[in-house]
């Protein structure tokens, strides 16, 4: 679900203090984007929103969520945005977030 190697690399690259800021910014931006997915679906901006979410997820090691976004992008391209199950993406993100935060807390202890 989480690519802990990617998480460790990012933390090493930016430093422990900046890493906390990166995580906070990631969570804020992703949750903002997720809150607009239904509007993007109606307005035709869903492919761009999914691409943004996929890239963000990959940067922080949210592997399962990135795969779900990539699959939704493919569905969008092949069958249109109406076929994308946003609730599934939200569930995957929430589960990934829980695993990440519990793992990050364990790693900090």
PDB file of N, CA and C in Angstrom:
ATOM      1  N   UNK A   1       0.815  -1.196   0.000  1.00  0.00           N
ATOM      2  CA  UNK A   1       0.000   0.000   0.000  1.00  0.00           C
ATOM      3  C   UNK A   1       0.861   1.264   0.000  1.00  0.00           C
ATOM      4  N   UNK A   2       1.881   1.268   0.858  1.00  0.00           N
ATOM      5  CA  UNK A   2       2.809   2.406   0.945  1.00  0.00           C
ATOM      6  C   UNK A   2       4.189   1.921   0.527  1.00  0.00           C
ATOM      7  N   UNK A   3       4.836   2.693  -0.300  1.00  0.00           N
ATOM      8  CA  UNK A   3       6.219   2.409  -0.687  1.00  0.00           C
ATOM      9  C   UNK A   3       7.123   3.078   0.356  1.00  0.00           C
ATOM     10  N   UNK A   4       7.436   2.317   1.400  1.00  0.00           N
ATOM     11  CA  UNK A   4       8.202   2.885   2.513  1.00  0.00           C
ATOM     12  C   UNK A   4       9.614   3.272   2.093  1.00  0.00           C
ATOM     13  N   UNK A   5      10.143   2.619   1.069  1.00  0.00           N
ATOM     14  CA  UNK A   5      11.447   3.011   0.538  1.00  0.00           C
ATOM     15  C   UNK A   5      11.400   4.416  -0.040  1.00  0.00           C
ATOM     16  N   UNK A   6      10.324   4.720  -0.756  1.00  0.00           N
ATOM     17  CA  UNK A   6      10.146   6.074  -1.312  1.00  0.00           C
ATOM     18  C   UNK A   6      10.006   7.081  -0.190  1.00  0.00           C
ATOM     19  N   UNK A   7       9.276   6.730   0.843  1.00  0.00           N
ATOM     20  CA  UNK A   7       9.097   7.617   1.996  1.00  0.00           C
ATOM     21  C   UNK A   7      10.452   7.911   2.637  1.00  0.00           C
ATOM     22  N   UNK A   8      11.253   6.879   2.840  1.00  0.00           N
ATOM     23  CA  UNK A   8      12.578   7.053   3.450  1.00  0.00           C
ATOM     24  C   UNK A   8      13.471   7.909   2.569  1.00  0.00           C
ATOM     25  N   UNK A   9      13.418   7.690   1.249  1.00  0.00           N
ATOM     26  CA  UNK A   9      14.225   8.496   0.328  1.00  0.00           C
ATOM     27  C   UNK A   9      13.829   9.966   0.388  1.00  0.00           C
ATOM     28  N   UNK A  10      12.531  10.223   0.395  1.00  0.00           N
ATOM     29  CA  UNK A  10      12.060  11.600   0.460  1.00  0.00           C
ATOM     30  C   UNK A  10      12.486  12.258   1.764  1.00  0.00           C
ATOM     31  N   UNK A  11      12.338  11.532   2.854  1.00  0.00           N
ATOM     32  CA  UNK A  11      12.724  12.072   4.162  1.00  0.00           C
ATOM     33  C   UNK A  11      14.215  12.365   4.192  1.00  0.00           C
ATOM     34  N   UNK A  12      15.013  11.499   3.604  1.00  0.00           N
ATOM     35  CA  UNK A  12      16.452  11.705   3.536  1.00  0.00           C
ATOM     36  C   UNK A  12      16.792  12.918   2.665  1.00  0.00           C
ATOM     37  N   UNK A  13      16.063  13.064   1.559  1.00  0.00           N
ATOM     38  CA  UNK A  13      16.320  14.171   0.632  1.00  0.00           C
ATOM     39  C   UNK A  13      16.002  15.530   1.230  1.00  0.00           C
ATOM     40  N   UNK A  14      14.877  15.630   1.953  1.00  0.00           N
ATOM     41  CA  UNK A  14      14.440  16.942   2.435  1.00  0.00           C
ATOM     42  C   UNK A  14      14.791  17.191   3.897  1.00  0.00           C
ATOM     43  N   UNK A  15      15.127  16.149   4.634  1.00  0.00           N
ATOM     44  CA  UNK A  15      15.417  16.284   6.058  1.00  0.00           C
ATOM     45  C   UNK A  15      14.164  16.065   6.889  1.00  0.00           C
ATOM     46  N   UNK A  16      14.370  15.670   8.131  1.00  0.00           N
ATOM     47  CA  UNK A  16      13.247  15.305   8.998  1.00  0.00           C
ATOM     48  C   UNK A  16      12.287  16.465   9.243  1.00  0.00           C
ATOM     49  N   UNK A  17      12.818  17.669   9.486  1.00  0.00           N
ATOM     50  CA  UNK A  17      11.936  18.808   9.760  1.00  0.00           C
ATOM     51  C   UNK A  17      11.109  19.184   8.542  1.00  0.00           C
ATOM     52  N   UNK A  18      11.748  19.265   7.394  1.00  0.00           N
ATOM     53  CA  UNK A  18      11.031  19.621   6.167  1.00  0.00           C
ATOM     54  C   UNK A  18      10.072  18.510   5.752  1.00  0.00           C
ATOM     55  N   UNK A  19      10.411  17.263   6.094  1.00  0.00           N
ATOM     56  CA  UNK A  19       9.543  16.149   5.730  1.00  0.00           C
ATOM     57  C   UNK A  19       8.158  16.311   6.332  1.00  0.00           C
ATOM     58  N   UNK A  20       8.089  16.724   7.574  1.00  0.00           N
ATOM     59  CA  UNK A  20       6.787  16.941   8.218  1.00  0.00           C
ATOM     60  C   UNK A  20       5.979  17.988   7.469  1.00  0.00           C
ATOM     61  N   UNK A  21       6.654  19.031   6.994  1.00  0.00           N
ATOM     62  CA  UNK A  21       5.973  20.068   6.218  1.00  0.00           C
ATOM     63  C   UNK A  21       5.500  19.521   4.881  1.00  0.00           C
ATOM     64  N   UNK A  22       6.337  18.698   4.242  1.00  0.00           N
ATOM     65  CA  UNK A  22       5.974  18.091   2.962  1.00  0.00           C
ATOM     66  C   UNK A  22       4.744  17.209   3.135  1.00  0.00           C
ATOM     67  N   UNK A  23       4.717  16.409   4.184  1.00  0.00           N
ATOM     68  CA  UNK A  23       3.570  15.534   4.440  1.00  0.00           C
ATOM     69  C   UNK A  23       2.312  16.367   4.668  1.00  0.00           C
ATOM     70  N   UNK A  24       2.418  17.405   5.483  1.00  0.00           N
ATOM     71  CA  UNK A  24       1.255  18.252   5.765  1.00  0.00           C
ATOM     72  C   UNK A  24       0.737  18.901   4.475  1.00  0.00           C
ATOM     73  N   UNK A  25       1.644  19.391   3.647  1.00  0.00           N
ATOM     74  CA  UNK A  25       1.248  20.017   2.392  1.00  0.00           C
ATOM     75  C   UNK A  25       0.609  18.991   1.457  1.00  0.00           C
ATOM     76  N   UNK A  26       1.208  17.807   1.380  1.00  0.00           N
ATOM     77  CA  UNK A  26       0.656  16.734   0.547  1.00  0.00           C
ATOM     78  C   UNK A  26      -0.772  16.417   0.964  1.00  0.00           C
ATOM     79  N   UNK A  27      -0.975  16.177   2.248  1.00  0.00           N
ATOM     80  CA  UNK A  27      -2.312  15.814   2.736  1.00  0.00           C
ATOM     81  C   UNK A  27      -3.316  16.927   2.443  1.00  0.00           C
ATOM     82  N   UNK A  28      -2.903  18.161   2.655  1.00  0.00           N
ATOM     83  CA  UNK A  28      -3.794  19.296   2.403  1.00  0.00           C
ATOM     84  C   UNK A  28      -4.164  19.390   0.920  1.00  0.00           C
ATOM     85  N   UNK A  29      -3.172  19.305   0.047  1.00  0.00           N
ATOM     86  CA  UNK A  29      -3.424  19.433  -1.386  1.00  0.00           C
ATOM     87  C   UNK A  29      -4.246  18.268  -1.931  1.00  0.00           C
ATOM     88  N   UNK A  30      -3.932  17.068  -1.493  1.00  0.00           N
ATOM     89  CA  UNK A  30      -4.661  15.899  -1.980  1.00  0.00           C
ATOM     90  C   UNK A  30      -6.103  15.937  -1.488  1.00  0.00           C
ATOM     91  N   UNK A  31      -6.313  16.278  -0.244  1.00  0.00           N
ATOM     92  CA  UNK A  31      -7.676  16.324   0.273  1.00  0.00           C
ATOM     93  C   UNK A  31      -8.488  17.426  -0.403  1.00  0.00           C
ATOM     94  N   UNK A  32      -7.836  18.534  -0.727  1.00  0.00           N
ATOM     95  CA  UNK A  32      -8.511  19.604  -1.479  1.00  0.00           C
ATOM     96  C   UNK A  32      -8.905  19.096  -2.862  1.00  0.00           C
ATOM     97  N   UNK A  33      -7.986  18.425  -3.540  1.00  0.00           N
ATOM     98  CA  UNK A  33      -8.276  17.894  -4.878  1.00  0.00           C
ATOM     99  C   UNK A  33      -9.381  16.835  -4.821  1.00  0.00           C
ATOM    100  N   UNK A  34      -9.329  15.982  -3.816  1.00  0.00           N
ATOM    101  CA  UNK A  34     -10.359  14.946  -3.682  1.00  0.00           C
ATOM    102  C   UNK A  34     -11.730  15.575  -3.453  1.00  0.00           C
ATOM    103  N   UNK A  35     -11.766  16.660  -2.696  1.00  0.00           N
ATOM    104  CA  UNK A  35     -13.055  17.299  -2.419  1.00  0.00           C
ATOM    105  C   UNK A  35     -13.692  17.883  -3.678  1.00  0.00           C
ATOM    106  N   UNK A  36     -12.902  18.049  -4.733  1.00  0.00           N
ATOM    107  CA  UNK A  36     -13.421  18.616  -5.983  1.00  0.00           C
ATOM    108  C   UNK A  36     -13.593  17.575  -7.093  1.00  0.00           C
ATOM    109  N   UNK A  37     -13.401  16.299  -6.790  1.00  0.00           N
ATOM    110  CA  UNK A  37     -13.486  15.283  -7.841  1.00  0.00           C
ATOM    111  C   UNK A  37     -14.865  15.197  -8.477  1.00  0.00           C
ATOM    112  N   UNK A  38     -15.910  15.278  -7.689  1.00  0.00           N
ATOM    113  CA  UNK A  38     -17.249  15.197  -8.278  1.00  0.00           C
ATOM    114  C   UNK A  38     -17.512  16.362  -9.221  1.00  0.00           C
ATOM    115  N   UNK A  39     -17.075  17.560  -8.846  1.00  0.00           N
ATOM    116  CA  UNK A  39     -17.236  18.719  -9.726  1.00  0.00           C
ATOM    117  C   UNK A  39     -16.384  18.545 -10.981  1.00  0.00           C
ATOM    118  N   UNK A  40     -15.185  18.008 -10.827  1.00  0.00           N
ATOM    119  CA  UNK A  40     -14.322  17.762 -11.985  1.00  0.00           C
ATOM    120  C   UNK A  40     -14.959  16.729 -12.908  1.00  0.00           C
ATOM    121  N   UNK A  41     -15.598  15.757 -12.320  1.00  0.00           N
ATOM    122  CA  UNK A  41     -16.271  14.714 -13.109  1.00  0.00           C
ATOM    123  C   UNK A  41     -17.393  15.330 -13.942  1.00  0.00           C
ATOM    124  N   UNK A  42     -18.143  16.219 -13.347  1.00  0.00           N
ATOM    125  CA  UNK A  42     -19.244  16.883 -14.068  1.00  0.00           C
ATOM    126  C   UNK A  42     -18.729  17.879 -15.098  1.00  0.00           C
ATOM    127  N   UNK A  43     -17.620  18.552 -14.777  1.00  0.00           N
ATOM    128  CA  UNK A  43     -17.130  19.624 -15.639  1.00  0.00           C
ATOM    129  C   UNK A  43     -16.086  19.211 -16.664  1.00  0.00           C
ATOM    130  N   UNK A  44     -15.707  17.964 -16.683  1.00  0.00           N
ATOM    131  CA  UNK A  44     -14.748  17.499 -17.671  1.00  0.00           C
ATOM    132  C   UNK A  44     -13.293  17.599 -17.257  1.00  0.00           C
ATOM    133  N   UNK A  45     -13.027  18.020 -16.039  1.00  0.00           N
ATOM    134  CA  UNK A  45     -11.646  18.151 -15.585  1.00  0.00           C
ATOM    135  C   UNK A  45     -11.118  16.939 -14.845  1.00  0.00           C
ATOM    136  N   UNK A  46     -11.849  15.851 -14.896  1.00  0.00           N
ATOM    137  CA  UNK A  46     -11.459  14.670 -14.135  1.00  0.00           C
ATOM    138  C   UNK A  46     -10.109  14.089 -14.551  1.00  0.00           C
ATOM    139  N   UNK A  47      -9.793  13.988 -15.853  1.00  0.00           N
ATOM    140  CA  UNK A  47      -8.475  13.437 -16.206  1.00  0.00           C
ATOM    141  C   UNK A  47      -7.314  14.223 -15.589  1.00  0.00           C
ATOM    142  N   UNK A  48      -7.404  15.547 -15.604  1.00  0.00           N
ATOM    143  CA  UNK A  48      -6.344  16.368 -15.014  1.00  0.00           C
ATOM    144  C   UNK A  48      -6.262  16.181 -13.501  1.00  0.00           C
ATOM    145  N   UNK A  49      -7.412  16.116 -12.858  1.00  0.00           N
ATOM    146  CA  UNK A  49      -7.436  15.922 -11.403  1.00  0.00           C
ATOM    147  C   UNK A  49      -6.835  14.573 -11.031  1.00  0.00           C
ATOM    148  N   UNK A  50      -7.182  13.545 -11.786  1.00  0.00           N
ATOM    149  CA  UNK A  50      -6.639  12.204 -11.512  1.00  0.00           C
ATOM    150  C   UNK A  50      -5.133  12.170 -11.741  1.00  0.00           C
ATOM    151  N   UNK A  51      -4.683  12.846 -12.773  1.00  0.00           N
ATOM    152  CA  UNK A  51      -3.248  12.886 -13.057  1.00  0.00           C
ATOM    153  C   UNK A  51      -2.493  13.588 -11.920  1.00  0.00           C
ATOM    154  N   UNK A  52      -3.040  14.693 -11.439  1.00  0.00           N
ATOM    155  CA  UNK A  52      -2.438  15.406 -10.307  1.00  0.00           C
ATOM    156  C   UNK A  52      -2.370  14.508  -9.073  1.00  0.00           C
ATOM    157  N   UNK A  53      -3.462  13.836  -8.778  1.00  0.00           N
ATOM    158  CA  UNK A  53      -3.500  12.964  -7.604  1.00  0.00           C
ATOM    159  C   UNK A  53      -2.516  11.807  -7.735  1.00  0.00           C
ATOM    160  N   UNK A  54      -2.423  11.228  -8.921  1.00  0.00           N
ATOM    161  CA  UNK A  54      -1.482  10.129  -9.152  1.00  0.00           C
ATOM    162  C   UNK A  54      -0.047  10.600  -8.909  1.00  0.00           C
ATOM    163  N   UNK A  55       0.312  11.743  -9.461  1.00  0.00           N
ATOM    164  CA  UNK A  55       1.664  12.270  -9.273  1.00  0.00           C
ATOM    165  C   UNK A  55       1.963  12.581  -7.815  1.00  0.00           C
ATOM    166  N   UNK A  56       1.016  13.180  -7.149  1.00  0.00           N
ATOM    167  CA  UNK A  56       1.191  13.490  -5.728  1.00  0.00           C
ATOM    168  C   UNK A  56       1.372  12.217  -4.917  1.00  0.00           C
ATOM    169  N   UNK A  57       0.551  11.226  -5.216  1.00  0.00           N
ATOM    170  CA  UNK A  57       0.625   9.955  -4.491  1.00  0.00           C
ATOM    171  C   UNK A  57       1.981   9.287  -4.696  1.00  0.00           C
ATOM    172  N   UNK A  58       2.483   9.303  -5.913  1.00  0.00           N
ATOM    173  CA  UNK A  58       3.782   8.688  -6.187  1.00  0.00           C
ATOM    174  C   UNK A  58       4.905   9.400  -5.446  1.00  0.00           C
ATOM    175  N   UNK A  59       4.816  10.718  -5.337  1.00  0.00           N
ATOM    176  CA  UNK A  59       5.859  11.481  -4.651  1.00  0.00           C
ATOM    177  C   UNK A  59       5.999  11.098  -3.190  1.00  0.00           C
ATOM    178  N   UNK A  60       4.889  10.751  -2.546  1.00  0.00           N
ATOM    179  CA  UNK A  60       4.942  10.436  -1.117  1.00  0.00           C
ATOM    180  C   UNK A  60       4.830   8.943  -0.829  1.00  0.00           C
ATOM    181  N   UNK A  61       4.841   8.133  -1.886  1.00  0.00           N
ATOM    182  CA  UNK A  61       4.854   6.690  -1.671  1.00  0.00           C
ATOM    183  C   UNK A  61       3.499   6.051  -1.461  1.00  0.00           C
ATOM    184  N   UNK A  62       2.421   6.747  -1.793  1.00  0.00           N
ATOM    185  CA  UNK A  62       1.084   6.170  -1.674  1.00  0.00           C
ATOM    186  C   UNK A  62       0.844   5.295  -2.909  1.00  0.00           C
ATOM    187  N   UNK A  63       1.462   4.134  -2.910  1.00  0.00           N
ATOM    188  CA  UNK A  63       1.503   3.265  -4.075  1.00  0.00           C
ATOM    189  C   UNK A  63       0.117   2.781  -4.518  1.00  0.00           C
ATOM    190  N   UNK A  64      -0.673   2.287  -3.610  1.00  0.00           N
ATOM    191  CA  UNK A  64      -2.007   1.782  -3.965  1.00  0.00           C
ATOM    192  C   UNK A  64      -2.902   2.900  -4.483  1.00  0.00           C
ATOM    193  N   UNK A  65      -2.828   4.046  -3.859  1.00  0.00           N
ATOM    194  CA  UNK A  65      -3.644   5.178  -4.298  1.00  0.00           C
ATOM    195  C   UNK A  65      -3.197   5.642  -5.687  1.00  0.00           C
ATOM    196  N   UNK A  66      -1.902   5.663  -5.931  1.00  0.00           N
ATOM    197  CA  UNK A  66      -1.393   6.043  -7.255  1.00  0.00           C
ATOM    198  C   UNK A  66      -1.901   5.066  -8.317  1.00  0.00           C
ATOM    199  N   UNK A  67      -1.874   3.770  -8.001  1.00  0.00           N
ATOM    200  CA  UNK A  67      -2.382   2.767  -8.950  1.00  0.00           C
ATOM    201  C   UNK A  67      -3.876   2.955  -9.205  1.00  0.00           C
ATOM    202  N   UNK A  68      -4.623   3.266  -8.153  1.00  0.00           N
ATOM    203  CA  UNK A  68      -6.066   3.491  -8.310  1.00  0.00           C
ATOM    204  C   UNK A  68      -6.328   4.714  -9.188  1.00  0.00           C
ATOM    205  N   UNK A  69      -5.547   5.760  -9.009  1.00  0.00           N
ATOM    206  CA  UNK A  69      -5.693   6.960  -9.843  1.00  0.00           C
ATOM    207  C   UNK A  69      -5.325   6.660 -11.290  1.00  0.00           C
ATOM    208  N   UNK A  70      -4.255   5.890 -11.498  1.00  0.00           N
ATOM    209  CA  UNK A  70      -3.847   5.512 -12.857  1.00  0.00           C
ATOM    210  C   UNK A  70      -4.940   4.687 -13.540  1.00  0.00           C
ATOM    211  N   UNK A  71      -5.529   3.766 -12.807  1.00  0.00           N
ATOM    212  CA  UNK A  71      -6.616   2.956 -13.361  1.00  0.00           C
ATOM    213  C   UNK A  71      -7.821   3.832 -13.701  1.00  0.00           C
ATOM    214  N   UNK A  72      -8.113   4.792 -12.845  1.00  0.00           N
ATOM    215  CA  UNK A  72      -9.233   5.703 -13.102  1.00  0.00           C
ATOM    216  C   UNK A  72      -8.943   6.575 -14.317  1.00  0.00           C
ATOM    217  N   UNK A  73      -7.686   6.976 -14.485  1.00  0.00           N
ATOM    218  CA  UNK A  73      -7.301   7.739 -15.683  1.00  0.00           C
ATOM    219  C   UNK A  73      -7.568   6.920 -16.944  1.00  0.00           C
ATOM    220  N   UNK A  74      -7.193   5.652 -16.903  1.00  0.00           N
ATOM    221  CA  UNK A  74      -7.422   4.771 -18.063  1.00  0.00           C
ATOM    222  C   UNK A  74      -8.910   4.594 -18.324  1.00  0.00           C
ATOM    223  N   UNK A  75      -9.670   4.433 -17.271  1.00  0.00           N
ATOM    224  CA  UNK A  75     -11.124   4.304 -17.419  1.00  0.00           C
ATOM    225  C   UNK A  75     -11.698   5.567 -18.048  1.00  0.00           C
ATOM    226  N   UNK A  76     -11.220   6.708 -17.576  1.00  0.00           N
ATOM    227  CA  UNK A  76     -11.669   8.000 -18.107  1.00  0.00           C
ATOM    228  C   UNK A  76     -11.397   8.090 -19.600  1.00  0.00           C
ATOM    229  N   UNK A  77     -10.200   7.698 -19.990  1.00  0.00           N
ATOM    230  CA  UNK A  77      -9.806   7.780 -21.400  1.00  0.00           C
ATOM    231  C   UNK A  77     -10.606   6.806 -22.258  1.00  0.00           C
ATOM    232  N   UNK A  78     -10.872   5.621 -21.736  1.00  0.00           N
ATOM    233  CA  UNK A  78     -11.536   4.581 -22.525  1.00  0.00           C
ATOM    234  C   UNK A  78     -13.056   4.705 -22.528  1.00  0.00           C
ATOM    235  N   UNK A  79     -13.620   5.057 -21.385  1.00  0.00           N
ATOM    236  CA  UNK A  79     -15.080   4.990 -21.263  1.00  0.00           C
ATOM    237  C   UNK A  79     -15.716   6.284 -20.770  1.00  0.00           C
ATOM    238  N   UNK A  80     -14.895   7.271 -20.449  1.00  0.00           N
ATOM    239  CA  UNK A  80     -15.430   8.533 -19.956  1.00  0.00           C
ATOM    240  C   UNK A  80     -15.470   8.607 -18.444  1.00  0.00           C
ATOM    241  N   UNK A  81     -15.518   9.819 -17.961  1.00  0.00           N
ATOM    242  CA  UNK A  81     -15.478  10.073 -16.523  1.00  0.00           C
ATOM    243  C   UNK A  81     -16.645   9.507 -15.747  1.00  0.00           C
ATOM    244  N   UNK A  82     -17.778   9.329 -16.417  1.00  0.00           N
ATOM    245  CA  UNK A  82     -18.959   8.815 -15.721  1.00  0.00           C
ATOM    246  C   UNK A  82     -18.716   7.416 -15.159  1.00  0.00           C
ATOM    247  N   UNK A  83     -17.774   6.690 -15.742  1.00  0.00           N
ATOM    248  CA  UNK A  83     -17.498   5.321 -15.303  1.00  0.00           C
ATOM    249  C   UNK A  83     -16.542   5.260 -14.108  1.00  0.00           C
ATOM    250  N   UNK A  84     -15.938   6.372 -13.754  1.00  0.00           N
ATOM    251  CA  UNK A  84     -14.983   6.403 -12.639  1.00  0.00           C
ATOM    252  C   UNK A  84     -15.745   6.424 -11.320  1.00  0.00           C
ATOM    253  N   UNK A  85     -15.383   5.510 -10.439  1.00  0.00           N
ATOM    254  CA  UNK A  85     -16.014   5.421  -9.114  1.00  0.00           C
ATOM    255  C   UNK A  85     -15.196   6.254  -8.122  1.00  0.00           C
ATOM    256  N   UNK A  86     -15.612   7.477  -7.917  1.00  0.00           N
ATOM    257  CA  UNK A  86     -14.876   8.384  -7.036  1.00  0.00           C
ATOM    258  C   UNK A  86     -14.856   7.861  -5.611  1.00  0.00           C
ATOM    259  N   UNK A  87     -15.929   7.251  -5.175  1.00  0.00           N
ATOM    260  CA  UNK A  87     -15.966   6.733  -3.802  1.00  0.00           C
ATOM    261  C   UNK A  87     -14.869   5.691  -3.579  1.00  0.00           C
ATOM    262  N   UNK A  88     -14.560   4.891  -4.592  1.00  0.00           N
ATOM    263  CA  UNK A  88     -13.479   3.910  -4.471  1.00  0.00           C
ATOM    264  C   UNK A  88     -12.136   4.601  -4.304  1.00  0.00           C
ATOM    265  N   UNK A  89     -11.923   5.704  -5.046  1.00  0.00           N
ATOM    266  CA  UNK A  89     -10.673   6.466  -4.924  1.00  0.00           C
ATOM    267  C   UNK A  89     -10.550   7.074  -3.527  1.00  0.00           C
ATOM    268  N   UNK A  90     -11.639   7.630  -3.052  1.00  0.00           N
ATOM    269  CA  UNK A  90     -11.636   8.242  -1.714  1.00  0.00           C
ATOM    270  C   UNK A  90     -11.346   7.182  -0.654  1.00  0.00           C
ATOM    271  N   UNK A  91     -11.981   6.033  -0.764  1.00  0.00           N
ATOM    272  CA  UNK A  91     -11.735   4.949   0.194  1.00  0.00           C
ATOM    273  C   UNK A  91     -10.274   4.506   0.170  1.00  0.00           C
ATOM    274  N   UNK A  92      -9.711   4.362  -1.021  1.00  0.00           N
ATOM    275  CA  UNK A  92      -8.315   3.951  -1.148  1.00  0.00           C
ATOM    276  C   UNK A  92      -7.392   4.991  -0.520  1.00  0.00           C
ATOM    277  N   UNK A  93      -7.672   6.272  -0.773  1.00  0.00           N
ATOM    278  CA  UNK A  93      -6.859   7.333  -0.182  1.00  0.00           C
ATOM    279  C   UNK A  93      -6.952   7.296   1.343  1.00  0.00           C
ATOM    280  N   UNK A  94      -8.145   7.182   1.871  1.00  0.00           N
ATOM    281  CA  UNK A  94      -8.324   7.173   3.328  1.00  0.00           C
ATOM    282  C   UNK A  94      -7.591   5.997   3.972  1.00  0.00           C
ATOM    283  N   UNK A  95      -7.689   4.844   3.348  1.00  0.00           N
ATOM    284  CA  UNK A  95      -6.996   3.669   3.874  1.00  0.00           C
ATOM    285  C   UNK A  95      -5.480   3.872   3.797  1.00  0.00           C
ATOM    286  N   UNK A  96      -5.001   4.392   2.681  1.00  0.00           N
ATOM    287  CA  UNK A  96      -3.568   4.656   2.517  1.00  0.00           C
ATOM    288  C   UNK A  96      -3.088   5.667   3.550  1.00  0.00           C
ATOM    289  N   UNK A  97      -3.877   6.686   3.773  1.00  0.00           N
ATOM    290  CA  UNK A  97      -3.524   7.721   4.745  1.00  0.00           C
ATOM    291  C   UNK A  97      -3.407   7.119   6.145  1.00  0.00           C
ATOM    292  N   UNK A  98      -4.361   6.268   6.515  1.00  0.00           N
ATOM    293  CA  UNK A  98      -4.305   5.633   7.842  1.00  0.00           C
ATOM    294  C   UNK A  98      -3.037   4.788   7.990  1.00  0.00           C
ATOM    295  N   UNK A  99      -2.744   3.987   6.979  1.00  0.00           N
ATOM    296  CA  UNK A  99      -1.551   3.139   7.027  1.00  0.00           C
ATOM    297  C   UNK A  99      -0.298   4.004   7.087  1.00  0.00           C
ATOM    298  N   UNK A 100      -0.257   5.040   6.266  1.00  0.00           N
ATOM    299  CA  UNK A 100       0.905   5.924   6.242  1.00  0.00           C
ATOM    300  C   UNK A 100       1.113   6.588   7.601  1.00  0.00           C
ATOM    301  N   UNK A 101       0.062   7.184   8.149  1.00  0.00           N
ATOM    302  CA  UNK A 101       0.209   7.895   9.412  1.00  0.00           C
ATOM    303  C   UNK A 101       0.562   6.953  10.553  1.00  0.00           C
ATOM    304  N   UNK A 102       0.018   5.746  10.573  1.00  0.00           N
ATOM    305  CA  UNK A 102       0.374   4.820  11.643  1.00  0.00           C
ATOM    306  C   UNK A 102       1.806   4.333  11.462  1.00  0.00           C
ATOM    307  N   UNK A 103       2.230   4.122  10.228  1.00  0.00           N
ATOM    308  CA  UNK A 103       3.606   3.726   9.971  1.00  0.00           C
ATOM    309  C   UNK A 103       4.598   4.828  10.223  1.00  0.00           C
ATOM    310  N   UNK A 104       4.223   6.047   9.871  1.00  0.00           N
ATOM    311  CA  UNK A 104       5.101   7.194  10.097  1.00  0.00           C
ATOM    312  C   UNK A 104       5.251   7.434  11.597  1.00  0.00           C
ATOM    313  N   UNK A 105       4.169   7.248  12.339  1.00  0.00           N
ATOM    314  CA  UNK A 105       4.224   7.409  13.790  1.00  0.00           C
ATOM    315  C   UNK A 105       5.103   6.322  14.411  1.00  0.00           C
ATOM    316  N   UNK A 106       4.964   5.103  13.928  1.00  0.00           N
ATOM    317  CA  UNK A 106       5.795   3.998  14.428  1.00  0.00           C
ATOM    318  C   UNK A 106       7.260   4.225  14.118  1.00  0.00           C
ATOM    319  N   UNK A 107       7.552   4.740  12.942  1.00  0.00           N
ATOM    320  CA  UNK A 107       8.928   4.973  12.536  1.00  0.00           C
ATOM    321  C   UNK A 107       9.568   6.098  13.341  1.00  0.00           C
ATOM    322  N   UNK A 108       8.738   7.062  13.770  1.00  0.00           N
ATOM    323  CA  UNK A 108       9.268   8.191  14.540  1.00  0.00           C
ATOM    324  C   UNK A 108       9.536   7.821  15.987  1.00  0.00           C
ATOM    325  N   UNK A 109       8.888   6.783  16.450  1.00  0.00           N
ATOM    326  CA  UNK A 109       9.030   6.387  17.865  1.00  0.00           C
ATOM    327  C   UNK A 109      10.349   5.684  18.141  1.00  0.00           C
TER     328      UNK A 109
END
